[in-house]
Amino acid sequence: MTYEPTTSPPSTSPPPTTPNRPGLAIASLVLGLITLIAWCLPICGAPLAIAGIITGILGLNSTNRGLAIAGLIIASLGLILSIVNSVVGMLFAPQFSQMFEEILRELPVQP
């Protein structure tokens, strides 16, 4: 009795590929650029930056990899600026409220 190796027929189906999503890379870049404008309002800048980072990560597998990387960097910078702006705002909020109260006291009261 001889042993013969069995061979399977060659596969005709193409290997699975990841979908090309160049729109996500472009969206990441656009969101990053908008974030650089909106970072002065943390309530707007931070969510836009997070959305830009997520779309940048998803767009890394596309043909526009360079745009995705640029969007990631710009959105990350916007997120850092938004966080710094939030922290500075929380630190200086008591001083601004005292200054505002002093200004109101100096205004003449009209009957």
N, C-alpha and C. Protein backbone atom coordinates (compact mmCIF):
# COMPACT_ATOMS: atom_id res chain seq x y z
N MET A 1 0.83 -1.16 0.00
CA MET A 1 0.00 0.00 0.00
C MET A 1 0.89 1.24 0.00
N THR A 2 0.62 2.09 -0.94
CA THR A 2 1.44 3.30 -1.06
C THR A 2 0.63 4.50 -0.59
N TYR A 3 1.32 5.43 -0.08
CA TYR A 3 0.67 6.66 0.41
C TYR A 3 0.75 7.73 -0.66
N GLU A 4 -0.39 8.27 -1.06
CA GLU A 4 -0.41 9.35 -2.03
C GLU A 4 -0.98 10.60 -1.36
N PRO A 5 -0.25 11.69 -1.43
CA PRO A 5 -0.77 12.92 -0.81
C PRO A 5 -1.95 13.44 -1.61
N THR A 6 -2.91 13.93 -0.89
CA THR A 6 -4.08 14.49 -1.56
C THR A 6 -3.85 15.98 -1.79
N THR A 7 -4.26 16.42 -2.93
CA THR A 7 -4.12 17.85 -3.23
C THR A 7 -5.51 18.42 -3.47
N SER A 8 -5.69 19.60 -3.01
CA SER A 8 -6.98 20.25 -3.21
C SER A 8 -6.90 21.13 -4.44
N PRO A 9 -8.00 21.33 -5.12
CA PRO A 9 -7.98 22.17 -6.32
C PRO A 9 -7.67 23.62 -5.93
N PRO A 10 -7.01 24.35 -6.83
CA PRO A 10 -6.67 25.73 -6.51
C PRO A 10 -7.93 26.59 -6.32
N SER A 11 -7.82 27.52 -5.43
CA SER A 11 -8.94 28.40 -5.12
C SER A 11 -9.07 29.47 -6.20
N THR A 12 -10.29 29.69 -6.66
CA THR A 12 -10.51 30.69 -7.71
C THR A 12 -11.03 32.00 -7.14
N SER A 13 -11.36 32.06 -5.87
CA SER A 13 -11.88 33.30 -5.28
C SER A 13 -10.71 34.22 -4.92
N PRO A 14 -10.88 35.52 -5.14
CA PRO A 14 -9.79 36.44 -4.80
C PRO A 14 -9.67 36.59 -3.28
N PRO A 15 -8.49 36.93 -2.80
CA PRO A 15 -8.33 37.10 -1.35
C PRO A 15 -9.14 38.30 -0.87
N PRO A 16 -9.62 38.26 0.35
CA PRO A 16 -10.41 39.38 0.86
C PRO A 16 -9.52 40.64 0.98
N THR A 17 -10.08 41.74 0.56
CA THR A 17 -9.35 43.01 0.63
C THR A 17 -10.08 43.96 1.54
N THR A 18 -9.35 44.90 2.08
CA THR A 18 -9.98 45.93 2.90
C THR A 18 -10.55 46.99 1.98
N PRO A 19 -11.69 47.57 2.33
CA PRO A 19 -12.29 48.56 1.45
C PRO A 19 -11.46 49.85 1.41
N ASN A 20 -11.39 50.43 0.24
CA ASN A 20 -10.67 51.69 0.07
C ASN A 20 -11.64 52.82 0.39
N ARG A 21 -11.32 53.60 1.40
CA ARG A 21 -12.19 54.69 1.84
C ARG A 21 -11.43 56.00 1.84
N PRO A 22 -11.18 56.57 0.66
CA PRO A 22 -10.44 57.83 0.63
C PRO A 22 -11.24 58.98 1.23
N GLY A 23 -12.55 58.85 1.30
CA GLY A 23 -13.39 59.91 1.88
C GLY A 23 -13.11 60.11 3.35
N LEU A 24 -12.76 59.04 4.05
CA LEU A 24 -12.46 59.18 5.48
C LEU A 24 -11.18 59.96 5.71
N ALA A 25 -10.20 59.78 4.86
CA ALA A 25 -8.95 60.53 4.99
C ALA A 25 -9.20 62.01 4.74
N ILE A 26 -9.99 62.32 3.72
CA ILE A 26 -10.31 63.72 3.42
C ILE A 26 -11.14 64.32 4.55
N ALA A 27 -12.09 63.56 5.08
CA ALA A 27 -12.92 64.04 6.19
C ALA A 27 -12.06 64.32 7.42
N SER A 28 -11.08 63.49 7.66
CA SER A 28 -10.18 63.71 8.79
C SER A 28 -9.43 65.02 8.65
N LEU A 29 -8.94 65.29 7.45
CA LEU A 29 -8.21 66.53 7.21
C LEU A 29 -9.13 67.74 7.37
N VAL A 30 -10.33 67.66 6.83
CA VAL A 30 -11.27 68.77 6.94
C VAL A 30 -11.67 69.00 8.39
N LEU A 31 -11.97 67.92 9.13
CA LEU A 31 -12.31 68.06 10.54
C LEU A 31 -11.15 68.62 11.35
N GLY A 32 -9.93 68.22 11.02
CA GLY A 32 -8.76 68.77 11.70
C GLY A 32 -8.62 70.26 11.47
N LEU A 33 -8.84 70.69 10.23
CA LEU A 33 -8.74 72.13 9.94
C LEU A 33 -9.85 72.92 10.63
N ILE A 34 -11.06 72.38 10.67
CA ILE A 34 -12.14 73.05 11.39
C ILE A 34 -11.84 73.10 12.88
N THR A 35 -11.22 72.06 13.40
CA THR A 35 -10.87 72.02 14.82
C THR A 35 -9.89 73.12 15.19
N LEU A 36 -8.97 73.44 14.28
CA LEU A 36 -8.02 74.51 14.57
C LEU A 36 -8.71 75.86 14.71
N ILE A 37 -9.88 76.00 14.11
CA ILE A 37 -10.64 77.23 14.28
C ILE A 37 -11.53 77.14 15.53
N ALA A 38 -12.07 75.97 15.81
CA ALA A 38 -13.05 75.81 16.87
C ALA A 38 -12.45 75.46 18.24
N TRP A 39 -11.14 75.38 18.38
CA TRP A 39 -10.57 74.98 19.66
C TRP A 39 -10.81 76.01 20.75
N CYS A 40 -11.09 77.25 20.37
CA CYS A 40 -11.31 78.28 21.39
C CYS A 40 -12.62 78.05 22.14
N LEU A 41 -13.52 77.26 21.58
CA LEU A 41 -14.74 76.85 22.28
C LEU A 41 -14.64 75.35 22.52
N PRO A 42 -14.20 74.95 23.71
CA PRO A 42 -13.96 73.52 23.96
C PRO A 42 -15.17 72.64 23.71
N ILE A 43 -16.36 73.19 23.89
CA ILE A 43 -17.55 72.38 23.67
C ILE A 43 -17.71 72.03 22.19
N CYS A 44 -17.12 72.83 21.31
CA CYS A 44 -17.15 72.54 19.86
C CYS A 44 -15.86 71.86 19.40
N GLY A 45 -14.73 72.36 19.89
CA GLY A 45 -13.45 71.88 19.40
C GLY A 45 -13.14 70.45 19.76
N ALA A 46 -13.43 70.06 20.99
CA ALA A 46 -13.08 68.70 21.43
C ALA A 46 -13.85 67.62 20.67
N PRO A 47 -15.18 67.74 20.51
CA PRO A 47 -15.87 66.69 19.74
C PRO A 47 -15.43 66.62 18.28
N LEU A 48 -15.18 67.79 17.67
CA LEU A 48 -14.71 67.79 16.29
C LEU A 48 -13.33 67.13 16.18
N ALA A 49 -12.48 67.39 17.16
CA ALA A 49 -11.14 66.79 17.16
C ALA A 49 -11.22 65.29 17.32
N ILE A 50 -12.09 64.82 18.20
CA ILE A 50 -12.24 63.38 18.41
C ILE A 50 -12.77 62.72 17.13
N ALA A 51 -13.74 63.37 16.48
CA ALA A 51 -14.25 62.84 15.22
C ALA A 51 -13.16 62.82 14.15
N GLY A 52 -12.32 63.85 14.12
CA GLY A 52 -11.21 63.89 13.17
C GLY A 52 -10.19 62.80 13.41
N ILE A 53 -9.92 62.53 14.68
CA ILE A 53 -8.98 61.46 15.01
C ILE A 53 -9.53 60.09 14.61
N ILE A 54 -10.81 59.87 14.88
CA ILE A 54 -11.42 58.58 14.54
C ILE A 54 -11.44 58.37 13.02
N THR A 55 -11.85 59.40 12.28
CA THR A 55 -11.88 59.24 10.82
C THR A 55 -10.46 59.13 10.25
N GLY A 56 -9.49 59.76 10.91
CA GLY A 56 -8.11 59.62 10.46
C GLY A 56 -7.58 58.21 10.65
N ILE A 57 -7.92 57.61 11.77
CA ILE A 57 -7.49 56.23 12.02
C ILE A 57 -8.15 55.28 11.02
N LEU A 58 -9.44 55.49 10.75
CA LEU A 58 -10.13 54.64 9.78
C LEU A 58 -9.64 54.89 8.36
N GLY A 59 -9.17 56.10 8.07
CA GLY A 59 -8.69 56.41 6.73
C GLY A 59 -7.25 56.02 6.46
N LEU A 60 -6.56 55.48 7.46
CA LEU A 60 -5.16 55.07 7.25
C LEU A 60 -5.02 53.93 6.24
N ASN A 61 -6.05 53.14 6.06
CA ASN A 61 -5.99 52.02 5.13
C ASN A 61 -6.37 52.41 3.70
N SER A 62 -6.62 53.68 3.46
CA SER A 62 -7.05 54.11 2.13
C SER A 62 -5.84 54.50 1.28
N THR A 63 -6.12 54.86 0.05
CA THR A 63 -5.06 55.30 -0.85
C THR A 63 -4.58 56.70 -0.49
N ASN A 64 -5.37 57.45 0.25
CA ASN A 64 -4.99 58.79 0.69
C ASN A 64 -4.40 58.75 2.10
N ARG A 65 -3.45 57.90 2.31
CA ARG A 65 -2.85 57.72 3.64
C ARG A 65 -2.21 59.00 4.15
N GLY A 66 -1.60 59.77 3.26
CA GLY A 66 -0.95 61.02 3.67
C GLY A 66 -1.95 62.03 4.21
N LEU A 67 -3.12 62.11 3.57
CA LEU A 67 -4.16 63.02 4.07
C LEU A 67 -4.67 62.56 5.43
N ALA A 68 -4.78 61.25 5.61
CA ALA A 68 -5.25 60.72 6.90
C ALA A 68 -4.25 61.03 8.01
N ILE A 69 -2.97 60.91 7.71
CA ILE A 69 -1.94 61.21 8.71
C ILE A 69 -1.95 62.70 9.04
N ALA A 70 -2.07 63.55 8.01
CA ALA A 70 -2.14 65.00 8.25
C ALA A 70 -3.37 65.34 9.08
N GLY A 71 -4.50 64.73 8.76
CA GLY A 71 -5.71 64.96 9.54
C GLY A 71 -5.57 64.52 10.97
N LEU A 72 -4.92 63.37 11.18
CA LEU A 72 -4.67 62.89 12.55
C LEU A 72 -3.83 63.88 13.34
N ILE A 73 -2.77 64.38 12.73
CA ILE A 73 -1.87 65.30 13.43
C ILE A 73 -2.59 66.60 13.75
N ILE A 74 -3.31 67.16 12.78
CA ILE A 74 -3.99 68.43 13.00
C ILE A 74 -5.12 68.28 14.01
N ALA A 75 -5.89 67.20 13.93
CA ALA A 75 -6.98 66.97 14.89
C ALA A 75 -6.42 66.74 16.30
N SER A 76 -5.29 66.05 16.40
CA SER A 76 -4.67 65.84 17.71
C SER A 76 -4.20 67.17 18.31
N LEU A 77 -3.63 68.03 17.47
CA LEU A 77 -3.21 69.34 17.93
C LEU A 77 -4.43 70.15 18.41
N GLY A 78 -5.53 70.08 17.66
CA GLY A 78 -6.75 70.77 18.06
C GLY A 78 -7.31 70.24 19.36
N LEU A 79 -7.23 68.91 19.57
CA LEU A 79 -7.70 68.33 20.83
C LEU A 79 -6.84 68.81 22.00
N ILE A 80 -5.54 68.85 21.81
CA ILE A 80 -4.65 69.34 22.87
C ILE A 80 -4.97 70.79 23.19
N LEU A 81 -5.15 71.62 22.16
CA LEU A 81 -5.49 73.02 22.39
C LEU A 81 -6.82 73.18 23.09
N SER A 82 -7.80 72.35 22.76
CA SER A 82 -9.11 72.41 23.42
C SER A 82 -9.00 72.04 24.89
N ILE A 83 -8.20 71.02 25.18
CA ILE A 83 -8.02 70.61 26.58
C ILE A 83 -7.30 71.69 27.37
N VAL A 84 -6.26 72.28 26.78
CA VAL A 84 -5.54 73.37 27.47
C VAL A 84 -6.48 74.55 27.70
N ASN A 85 -7.30 74.88 26.71
CA ASN A 85 -8.24 75.98 26.86
C ASN A 85 -9.25 75.69 27.96
N SER A 86 -9.70 74.47 28.08
CA SER A 86 -10.64 74.09 29.14
C SER A 86 -10.01 74.23 30.51
N VAL A 87 -8.79 73.75 30.64
CA VAL A 87 -8.10 73.82 31.94
C VAL A 87 -7.84 75.27 32.34
N VAL A 88 -7.37 76.07 31.40
CA VAL A 88 -7.12 77.49 31.69
C VAL A 88 -8.42 78.19 32.06
N GLY A 89 -9.49 77.87 31.36
CA GLY A 89 -10.79 78.47 31.68
C GLY A 89 -11.26 78.10 33.07
N MET A 90 -11.04 76.86 33.48
CA MET A 90 -11.45 76.45 34.83
C MET A 90 -10.59 77.11 35.90
N LEU A 91 -9.31 77.32 35.60
CA LEU A 91 -8.43 77.95 36.58
C LEU A 91 -8.74 79.43 36.77
N PHE A 92 -9.10 80.11 35.69
CA PHE A 92 -9.33 81.54 35.77
C PHE A 92 -10.79 81.92 35.98
N ALA A 93 -11.70 81.00 36.00
CA ALA A 93 -13.12 81.30 36.16
C ALA A 93 -13.41 82.06 37.46
N PRO A 94 -12.84 81.68 38.61
CA PRO A 94 -13.13 82.44 39.83
C PRO A 94 -12.65 83.89 39.75
N GLN A 95 -11.51 84.13 39.14
CA GLN A 95 -11.00 85.49 39.01
C GLN A 95 -11.89 86.33 38.11
N PHE A 96 -12.39 85.75 37.04
CA PHE A 96 -13.26 86.50 36.15
C PHE A 96 -14.59 86.81 36.80
N SER A 97 -15.11 85.90 37.61
CA SER A 97 -16.38 86.17 38.28
C SER A 97 -16.22 87.28 39.30
N GLN A 98 -15.10 87.34 40.03
CA GLN A 98 -14.86 88.43 40.97
C GLN A 98 -14.73 89.76 40.23
N MET A 99 -14.04 89.77 39.13
CA MET A 99 -13.87 90.98 38.35
C MET A 99 -15.22 91.45 37.80
N PHE A 100 -16.06 90.56 37.37
CA PHE A 100 -17.37 90.92 36.85
C PHE A 100 -18.25 91.50 37.95
N GLU A 101 -18.19 90.93 39.16
CA GLU A 101 -18.97 91.45 40.29
C GLU A 101 -18.51 92.86 40.65
N GLU A 102 -17.21 93.13 40.63
CA GLU A 102 -16.70 94.48 40.93
C GLU A 102 -17.17 95.49 39.89
N ILE A 103 -17.21 95.10 38.65
CA ILE A 103 -17.68 96.00 37.60
C ILE A 103 -19.16 96.31 37.80
N LEU A 104 -19.95 95.32 38.19
CA LEU A 104 -21.37 95.55 38.42
C LEU A 104 -21.61 96.47 39.61
N ARG A 105 -20.77 96.38 40.64
CA ARG A 105 -20.92 97.24 41.82
C ARG A 105 -20.64 98.70 41.48
N GLU A 106 -19.72 98.94 40.54
CA GLU A 106 -19.34 100.30 40.20
C GLU A 106 -20.34 100.98 39.28
N LEU A 107 -21.21 100.23 38.64
CA LEU A 107 -22.20 100.82 37.77
C LEU A 107 -23.25 101.57 38.59
N PRO A 108 -23.68 102.74 38.10
CA PRO A 108 -24.71 103.48 38.84
C PRO A 108 -26.06 102.76 38.75
N VAL A 109 -26.78 102.79 39.86
CA VAL A 109 -28.08 102.12 39.91
C VAL A 109 -29.13 103.14 39.47
N GLN A 110 -29.92 102.79 38.49
CA GLN A 110 -30.95 103.69 38.01
C GLN A 110 -32.31 103.24 38.54
N PRO A 111 -33.12 104.22 39.00
CA PRO A 111 -34.43 103.85 39.58
C PRO A 111 -35.43 103.45 38.53
